[in-house]
């Protein structure tokens, strides 16, 4: 589809005839601003945070919270940190990272890990090639730090046979390569077939002295989807590449936005990043660490069944009610906690569809913010969050289907 079609807008009469709601006069500038508005809505399908209820075994953790509180008082901060790190990285199969576990740093949100990373990039005056599409706060945090950014299309990373040459063609003039895996919102993964594509990316970064930055905050969904994570840190440490890697608990378990993010770097830049980190915070709450560790252990016992079941049910509901006519479901390589739908009618864009759904108390995200360098491409997509109670989600799908059916008439 060419850009002329992508950018085509309906006339005022088209809008009036179709029932499309015009965009509101108050312009929201990023995804988070939309997500804040969505919190006021009956059917909030915007943010990818976990809003579903507890499973039976998770309810036992909640019942035990007083004991976890007092046990956190009795343990040292270091003990709470090391217990969490050991369990979290073992669950993910990232045993090589544990060989340097005293250099795995904990912060209370992935955005803080990103802020520290952006500060490092700013201090070193490094230019960055950032994957597109991706969650827009990665772009925004670096933009606010005046880090020069260039888009690297997701497709450049898909084929092990071409990824090295693609990087030579598109990234040779850049200082750092930043990927998100699995990617939010598309579910793309450089590891979908094997570790070969990632190894080729690492080889390019080594050969041309590039910093490799990786956001693995959705990586739990590899295991939720029934897959097995490659030990990426074995590849990284064995290659000698300079790297920064972020992981997170925030999108996996329904724990009222209590969470922990991790940050680890290659040895050559560890001291520089650590000095930035200590200017930001002292520690993550030991109580939060004790609690999150229990959820990690719970998912290790049930093989992520409590997470998988609600997402699978809601994904099927979304496909059942929405995948026809105006919207087309985009199957991901890794099934995560969001669903990505393409708008098939070139006369309707994501802003218009979102506003119309919002008028009926269903809040989804327009795709333009994920396409941070080419927002017109994102106008062909919407993202729907799946981590919700299924009865609420079913109600949202019924309302959304009625609205979309009106477009199809």
Protein backbone atom coordinates (compact mmCIF):
# COMPACT_ATOMS: atom_id res chain seq x y z
CA UNK A 1 0.00 0.00 0.00
CA UNK A 2 1.56 3.32 -1.00
CA UNK A 3 1.86 6.40 1.18
CA UNK A 4 -0.82 8.25 -0.76
CA UNK A 5 -3.36 5.64 0.33
CA UNK A 6 -2.02 5.52 3.88
CA UNK A 7 -2.35 9.25 4.34
CA UNK A 8 -5.77 9.61 2.69
CA UNK A 9 -8.32 11.21 5.01
CA UNK A 10 -12.13 11.09 4.74
CA UNK A 11 -14.03 14.25 3.95
CA UNK A 12 -16.29 15.91 6.53
CA UNK A 13 -19.30 14.45 4.73
CA UNK A 14 -17.74 10.98 4.83
CA UNK A 15 -17.31 11.36 8.58
CA UNK A 16 -20.89 12.47 9.05
CA UNK A 17 -22.28 9.65 6.90
CA UNK A 18 -20.22 6.87 8.48
CA UNK A 19 -20.73 7.76 12.12
CA UNK A 20 -17.00 8.15 12.63
CA UNK A 21 -16.31 10.31 15.65
CA UNK A 22 -14.01 13.27 14.97
CA UNK A 23 -10.83 13.43 17.07
CA UNK A 24 -11.22 15.39 20.29
CA UNK A 25 -9.87 18.92 20.49
CA UNK A 26 -7.49 17.96 23.31
CA UNK A 27 -4.47 16.35 21.67
CA UNK A 28 -2.86 13.51 23.59
CA UNK A 29 0.83 13.35 22.85
CA UNK A 30 1.84 9.79 23.72
CA UNK A 31 0.58 6.33 24.61
CA UNK A 32 0.80 6.89 28.35
CA UNK A 33 -1.47 9.93 28.13
CA UNK A 34 -4.02 7.75 26.35
CA UNK A 35 -3.61 5.07 29.00
CA UNK A 36 -4.27 7.60 31.76
CA UNK A 37 -7.50 8.61 30.03
CA UNK A 38 -8.41 4.95 29.55
CA UNK A 39 -8.28 4.35 33.32
CA UNK A 40 -11.49 6.40 33.51
CA UNK A 41 -13.25 4.15 31.00
CA UNK A 42 -15.55 1.19 31.64
CA UNK A 43 -13.77 -0.99 29.10
CA UNK A 44 -10.11 -0.09 29.40
CA UNK A 45 -8.21 -2.11 26.79
CA UNK A 46 -5.38 0.40 26.45
CA UNK A 47 -2.50 -0.28 28.83
CA UNK A 48 -0.78 -3.66 28.79
CA UNK A 49 -0.59 -3.79 32.58
CA UNK A 50 -2.14 -6.80 34.29
CA UNK A 51 -5.68 -6.13 35.51
CA UNK A 52 -7.03 -9.68 35.76
CA UNK A 53 -7.94 -11.27 39.10
CA UNK A 54 -5.77 -13.68 41.06
CA UNK A 55 -5.64 -17.39 40.36
CA UNK A 56 -6.31 -19.79 43.23
CA UNK A 57 -2.61 -20.18 44.03
CA UNK A 58 -2.00 -16.45 43.68
CA UNK A 59 -4.76 -15.79 46.22
CA UNK A 60 -2.69 -17.78 48.68
CA UNK A 61 0.20 -15.37 48.11
CA UNK A 62 -2.11 -12.43 48.84
CA UNK A 63 -3.30 -14.14 52.02
CA UNK A 64 0.32 -14.51 53.09
CA UNK A 65 1.26 -10.86 52.54
CA UNK A 66 1.56 -10.06 56.28
CA UNK A 67 4.11 -12.85 56.67
CA UNK A 68 6.00 -11.63 53.62
CA UNK A 69 6.08 -8.16 55.14
CA UNK A 70 7.65 -9.39 58.38
CA UNK A 71 10.03 -11.73 56.57
CA UNK A 72 11.26 -8.73 54.54
CA UNK A 73 11.97 -6.96 57.83
CA UNK A 74 14.03 -9.90 59.03
CA UNK A 75 16.12 -10.29 55.85
CA UNK A 76 18.79 -7.93 54.62
CA UNK A 77 18.18 -5.92 51.47
CA UNK A 78 20.94 -7.90 49.77
CA UNK A 79 19.31 -11.23 50.67
CA UNK A 80 15.97 -10.11 49.22
CA UNK A 81 17.68 -8.92 46.05
CA UNK A 82 19.73 -12.06 45.55
CA UNK A 83 16.76 -14.34 46.15
CA UNK A 84 14.72 -12.48 43.54
CA UNK A 85 17.55 -12.37 40.99
CA UNK A 86 18.30 -16.09 41.39
CA UNK A 87 14.64 -17.11 40.95
CA UNK A 88 13.85 -14.65 38.15
CA UNK A 89 16.82 -15.45 35.91
CA UNK A 90 16.54 -19.18 36.60
CA UNK A 91 12.87 -19.08 35.59
CA UNK A 92 13.89 -17.44 32.31
CA UNK A 93 16.70 -19.92 31.67
CA UNK A 94 19.29 -17.12 31.72
CA UNK A 95 21.85 -18.91 33.87
CA UNK A 96 24.86 -17.18 32.29
CA UNK A 97 23.64 -13.84 33.62
CA UNK A 98 23.82 -15.27 37.15
CA UNK A 99 27.59 -15.66 36.85
CA UNK A 100 27.69 -11.88 37.31
CA UNK A 101 24.63 -11.57 39.54
CA UNK A 102 26.22 -8.89 41.72
CA UNK A 103 26.19 -6.74 38.58
CA UNK A 104 22.48 -7.26 37.93
CA UNK A 105 20.88 -4.03 39.12
CA UNK A 106 17.30 -3.69 40.31
CA UNK A 107 15.02 -0.69 39.80
CA UNK A 108 11.31 -0.32 40.42
CA UNK A 109 10.12 0.09 36.81
CA UNK A 110 11.33 -0.62 33.29
CA UNK A 111 11.04 3.08 32.47
CA UNK A 112 13.72 3.73 35.12
CA UNK A 113 16.02 1.23 33.40
CA UNK A 114 15.34 3.05 30.17
CA UNK A 115 15.97 6.45 31.79
CA UNK A 116 19.36 5.24 33.03
CA UNK A 117 20.16 3.88 29.56
CA UNK A 118 19.12 7.12 27.86
CA UNK A 119 21.30 9.09 30.28
CA UNK A 120 24.30 6.93 29.40
CA UNK A 121 23.65 7.43 25.68
CA UNK A 122 23.34 11.18 26.17
CA UNK A 123 26.56 11.40 28.18
CA UNK A 124 28.48 9.47 25.52
CA UNK A 125 26.82 11.39 22.66
CA UNK A 126 25.83 8.14 20.96
CA UNK A 127 23.42 7.86 18.05
CA UNK A 128 20.86 5.05 18.17
CA UNK A 129 18.98 2.93 15.67
CA UNK A 130 15.68 2.00 17.34
CA UNK A 131 13.36 -0.73 16.13
CA UNK A 132 10.05 0.42 14.62
CA UNK A 133 7.31 -0.10 15.64
CA UNK A 134 7.82 -0.15 19.39
CA UNK A 135 6.32 1.32 22.55
CA UNK A 136 6.75 5.07 22.22
CA UNK A 137 8.25 5.87 25.63
CA UNK A 138 11.51 4.23 24.50
CA UNK A 139 11.72 6.84 21.76
CA UNK A 140 10.46 9.66 24.00
CA UNK A 141 12.94 9.06 26.82
CA UNK A 142 15.85 9.18 24.40
CA UNK A 143 14.40 12.17 22.57
CA UNK A 144 14.13 14.08 25.85
CA UNK A 145 17.84 13.34 26.40
CA UNK A 146 18.62 14.68 22.91
CA UNK A 147 19.86 11.28 21.74
CA UNK A 148 19.92 11.17 17.90
CA UNK A 149 17.53 8.46 16.68
CA UNK A 150 17.02 6.59 13.42
CA UNK A 151 14.28 4.01 12.76
CA UNK A 152 15.21 0.40 11.99
CA UNK A 153 12.24 -1.43 10.56
CA UNK A 154 11.32 -4.63 12.37
CA UNK A 155 11.64 -6.59 9.13
CA UNK A 156 15.40 -5.92 9.02
CA UNK A 157 15.89 -8.35 11.90
CA UNK A 158 13.78 -11.26 10.66
CA UNK A 159 16.10 -13.29 8.41
CA UNK A 160 19.40 -14.72 9.72
CA UNK A 161 20.74 -14.79 6.14
CA UNK A 162 20.28 -11.04 5.59
CA UNK A 163 20.43 -9.40 9.02
CA UNK A 164 24.18 -8.72 8.92
CA UNK A 165 23.99 -7.08 5.49
CA UNK A 166 20.86 -5.18 6.55
CA UNK A 167 22.74 -3.70 9.48
CA UNK A 168 25.70 -2.78 7.27
CA UNK A 169 23.28 -0.99 4.94
CA UNK A 170 21.07 0.73 7.52
CA UNK A 171 23.08 0.98 10.76
CA UNK A 172 26.74 1.43 9.86
CA UNK A 173 26.65 5.14 10.70
CA UNK A 174 25.00 4.55 14.10
CA UNK A 175 26.67 4.00 17.46
CA UNK A 176 24.05 1.71 19.03
CA UNK A 177 21.32 -0.73 17.97
CA UNK A 178 18.21 -0.94 20.15
CA UNK A 179 15.79 -3.87 19.77
CA UNK A 180 12.71 -4.98 21.72
CA UNK A 181 12.13 -8.73 21.96
CA UNK A 182 9.43 -9.89 21.89
CA UNK A 183 8.29 -6.65 20.36
CA UNK A 184 5.37 -4.64 21.69
CA UNK A 185 2.93 -4.38 19.89
CA UNK A 186 3.54 -6.90 17.09
CA UNK A 187 4.84 -9.97 18.93
CA UNK A 188 7.83 -10.15 16.57
CA UNK A 189 10.87 -11.99 17.97
CA UNK A 190 14.38 -12.29 16.58
CA UNK A 191 14.45 -15.67 18.34
CA UNK A 192 11.26 -17.03 16.74
CA UNK A 193 13.08 -19.73 14.76
CA UNK A 194 16.51 -20.04 16.38
CA UNK A 195 19.26 -17.94 17.95
CA UNK A 196 21.03 -17.53 14.59
CA UNK A 197 19.56 -14.12 13.72
CA UNK A 198 20.49 -12.75 17.12
CA UNK A 199 23.99 -14.17 16.82
CA UNK A 200 24.36 -12.44 13.45
CA UNK A 201 23.25 -9.14 15.00
CA UNK A 202 25.80 -9.60 17.77
CA UNK A 203 28.48 -10.39 15.17
CA UNK A 204 27.74 -7.14 13.35
CA UNK A 205 27.92 -5.16 16.59
CA UNK A 206 31.26 -6.76 17.45
CA UNK A 207 32.74 -6.24 13.99
CA UNK A 208 31.75 -2.57 13.85
CA UNK A 209 32.03 -1.69 17.55
CA UNK A 210 28.33 -0.99 18.12
CA UNK A 211 26.56 -0.96 21.48
CA UNK A 212 23.66 -3.45 21.53
CA UNK A 213 20.68 -2.45 23.69
CA UNK A 214 17.91 -4.97 24.37
CA UNK A 215 14.50 -4.53 25.96
CA UNK A 216 13.41 -8.00 27.10
CA UNK A 217 10.45 -6.75 29.18
CA UNK A 218 7.95 -9.00 27.34
CA UNK A 219 10.23 -12.03 27.37
CA UNK A 220 8.11 -13.96 29.87
CA UNK A 221 5.58 -14.44 27.08
CA UNK A 222 7.99 -16.72 25.26
CA UNK A 223 7.46 -19.19 28.09
CA UNK A 224 3.79 -18.26 28.45
CA UNK A 225 3.41 -19.23 24.77
CA UNK A 226 5.02 -22.59 25.48
CA UNK A 227 8.48 -21.76 24.12
CA UNK A 228 11.92 -21.79 25.70
CA UNK A 229 14.18 -18.76 25.91
CA UNK A 230 17.68 -19.08 24.55
CA UNK A 231 20.38 -18.12 27.02
CA UNK A 232 21.01 -14.75 25.41
CA UNK A 233 23.61 -13.79 27.99
CA UNK A 234 25.72 -16.79 26.98
CA UNK A 235 25.79 -15.39 23.44
CA UNK A 236 26.47 -11.86 24.67
CA UNK A 237 29.21 -12.71 27.16
CA UNK A 238 30.86 -15.15 24.78
CA UNK A 239 31.08 -12.58 22.00
CA UNK A 240 32.61 -9.69 23.92
CA UNK A 241 29.98 -7.28 22.54
CA UNK A 242 29.16 -4.11 24.49
CA UNK A 243 25.55 -4.40 25.64
CA UNK A 244 22.77 -3.15 27.89
CA UNK A 245 19.90 -5.53 28.68
CA UNK A 246 16.64 -4.73 30.49
CA UNK A 247 14.13 -7.23 31.86
CA UNK A 248 10.92 -6.71 33.85
CA UNK A 249 8.14 -8.34 35.87
CA UNK A 250 5.54 -5.65 35.26
CA UNK A 251 3.63 -7.17 32.33
CA UNK A 252 3.37 -10.72 33.67
CA UNK A 253 1.57 -10.98 37.01
CA UNK A 254 -1.54 -9.19 38.37
CA UNK A 255 0.04 -7.49 41.39
CA UNK A 256 -1.40 -3.97 41.35
CA UNK A 257 1.59 -2.52 39.48
CA UNK A 258 4.07 -3.65 42.10
CA UNK A 259 7.07 -4.74 40.06
CA UNK A 260 10.80 -4.86 39.56
CA UNK A 261 12.97 -4.25 36.52
CA UNK A 262 16.52 -5.48 36.05
CA UNK A 263 19.45 -3.89 34.26
CA UNK A 264 22.67 -5.61 33.27
CA UNK A 265 25.50 -4.45 31.02
CA UNK A 266 28.72 -5.80 29.56
CA UNK A 267 31.75 -5.45 31.81
CA UNK A 268 33.31 -2.66 29.77
CA UNK A 269 30.49 -0.18 30.52
CA UNK A 270 29.27 -1.54 33.84
CA UNK A 271 30.96 1.07 36.03
CA UNK A 272 29.68 4.00 33.95
CA UNK A 273 26.09 2.73 34.04
CA UNK A 274 26.31 1.89 37.74
CA UNK A 275 27.36 5.46 38.53
CA UNK A 276 24.24 6.73 36.77
CA UNK A 277 22.02 4.19 38.53
CA UNK A 278 23.17 5.21 42.00
CA UNK A 279 22.25 8.80 41.23
CA UNK A 280 18.68 7.65 40.56
CA UNK A 281 17.79 5.37 43.48
CA UNK A 282 19.07 3.30 46.39
CA UNK A 283 16.98 0.15 46.20
CA UNK A 284 13.69 -1.53 45.39
CA UNK A 285 11.41 -2.22 48.35
CA UNK A 286 12.43 -5.51 49.99
CA UNK A 287 8.75 -6.27 50.59
CA UNK A 288 8.02 -5.90 46.87
CA UNK A 289 10.96 -8.16 46.08
CA UNK A 290 9.71 -10.81 48.50
CA UNK A 291 6.21 -10.63 47.02
CA UNK A 292 7.28 -10.70 43.36
CA UNK A 293 9.57 -13.64 44.10
CA UNK A 294 6.51 -15.59 45.27
CA UNK A 295 4.77 -14.93 41.95
CA UNK A 296 7.87 -16.07 40.08
CA UNK A 297 7.88 -19.30 42.06
CA UNK A 298 4.13 -19.76 41.49
CA UNK A 299 4.58 -19.55 37.71
CA UNK A 300 7.52 -21.93 37.85
CA UNK A 301 5.24 -24.45 39.56
CA UNK A 302 2.25 -24.12 37.20
CA UNK A 303 4.31 -23.45 34.03
CA UNK A 304 2.61 -20.04 33.63
CA UNK A 305 -0.86 -21.59 33.39
CA UNK A 306 -2.48 -18.80 35.44
CA UNK A 307 -1.07 -16.20 33.04
CA UNK A 308 -1.63 -18.17 29.84
CA UNK A 309 -5.25 -19.17 30.39
CA UNK A 310 -6.74 -15.69 30.67
CA UNK A 311 -4.68 -14.35 27.76
CA UNK A 312 -5.61 -17.28 25.51
CA UNK A 313 -9.30 -16.93 26.34
CA UNK A 314 -9.33 -13.20 25.70
CA UNK A 315 -7.31 -13.51 22.51
CA UNK A 316 -9.85 -15.97 21.14
CA UNK A 317 -12.68 -13.63 22.12
CA UNK A 318 -10.98 -10.75 20.32
CA UNK A 319 -10.52 -12.83 17.17
CA UNK A 320 -14.09 -14.15 17.36
CA UNK A 321 -15.70 -10.74 17.67
CA UNK A 322 -13.36 -8.43 15.75
CA UNK A 323 -11.51 -10.39 13.06
CA UNK A 324 -13.87 -9.72 10.17
CA UNK A 325 -14.62 -6.92 7.80
CA UNK A 326 -13.02 -3.74 9.09
CA UNK A 327 -10.37 -5.38 11.29
CA UNK A 328 -7.90 -8.16 10.53
CA UNK A 329 -6.04 -9.94 13.32
CA UNK A 330 -2.25 -9.95 12.89
CA UNK A 331 -0.92 -13.28 14.23
CA UNK A 332 2.21 -12.71 16.34
CA UNK A 333 5.33 -14.83 16.43
CA UNK A 334 5.11 -14.70 20.23
CA UNK A 335 1.67 -14.48 21.83
CA UNK A 336 1.90 -11.74 24.43
CA UNK A 337 -0.61 -9.74 26.48
CA UNK A 338 -1.70 -7.56 23.55
CA UNK A 339 -3.44 -8.13 20.21
CA UNK A 340 -2.57 -6.18 17.06
CA UNK A 341 -5.29 -5.58 14.46
CA UNK A 342 -4.97 -4.07 10.99
CA UNK A 343 -7.65 -1.69 9.70
CA UNK A 344 -8.58 -2.92 6.23
CA UNK A 345 -10.53 0.11 5.00
CA UNK A 346 -8.13 2.84 3.74
CA UNK A 347 -10.86 5.45 4.28
CA UNK A 348 -10.78 4.90 8.06
CA UNK A 349 -7.72 5.48 10.22
CA UNK A 350 -6.84 4.40 13.75
CA UNK A 351 -7.55 7.78 15.34
CA UNK A 352 -11.08 7.80 13.98
CA UNK A 353 -11.81 4.21 14.97
CA UNK A 354 -10.40 4.75 18.44
CA UNK A 355 -12.48 7.87 19.02
CA UNK A 356 -15.63 6.08 17.90
CA UNK A 357 -14.96 3.13 20.21
CA UNK A 358 -14.10 5.53 23.02
CA UNK A 359 -17.49 7.20 22.62
CA UNK A 360 -18.93 3.78 23.51
CA UNK A 361 -16.63 3.39 26.55
CA UNK A 362 -14.19 1.00 24.84
CA UNK A 363 -10.64 2.37 24.91
CA UNK A 364 -8.01 0.91 22.58
CA UNK A 365 -4.73 2.39 21.36
CA UNK A 366 -4.15 3.79 17.87
CA UNK A 367 -1.08 2.38 16.20
CA UNK A 368 0.46 5.69 15.18
CA UNK A 369 2.38 6.10 18.46
CA UNK A 370 4.15 2.78 18.00
CA UNK A 371 5.35 3.90 14.59
CA UNK A 372 7.30 6.70 16.18
CA UNK A 373 9.11 7.73 12.95
CA UNK A 374 6.28 6.97 10.49
CA UNK A 375 2.98 7.60 12.32
CA UNK A 376 0.99 7.39 9.08
CA UNK A 377 1.86 3.68 8.89
CA UNK A 378 0.51 3.18 12.39
CA UNK A 379 -2.82 4.69 11.39
CA UNK A 380 -3.55 1.29 9.84
CA UNK A 381 -3.49 -0.52 13.22
CA UNK A 382 -4.98 -0.61 16.70
CA UNK A 383 -3.68 -2.43 19.79
CA UNK A 384 -5.92 -4.19 22.30
CA UNK A 385 -4.74 -5.21 25.78
CA UNK A 386 -5.68 -8.77 26.80
CA UNK A 387 -4.72 -8.99 30.50
CA UNK A 388 -8.22 -8.41 31.82
CA UNK A 389 -10.94 -10.41 33.55
CA UNK A 390 -12.65 -12.34 30.79
CA UNK A 391 -16.19 -11.31 31.75
CA UNK A 392 -15.22 -7.65 31.42
CA UNK A 393 -13.31 -8.38 28.21
CA UNK A 394 -16.30 -10.20 26.73
CA UNK A 395 -18.50 -7.18 27.42
CA UNK A 396 -15.96 -4.94 25.71
CA UNK A 397 -15.80 -7.21 22.67
CA UNK A 398 -19.58 -7.24 22.29
CA UNK A 399 -19.74 -3.44 22.37
CA UNK A 400 -16.75 -3.09 20.03
CA UNK A 401 -18.23 -5.60 17.58
CA UNK A 402 -21.48 -3.62 17.41
CA UNK A 403 -19.57 -0.42 16.69
CA UNK A 404 -17.43 -2.09 14.03
CA UNK A 405 -20.44 -3.76 12.44
CA UNK A 406 -21.88 -0.28 11.90
CA UNK A 407 -18.78 0.58 9.88
CA UNK A 408 -19.21 -2.55 7.79
CA UNK A 409 -22.77 -1.71 6.75
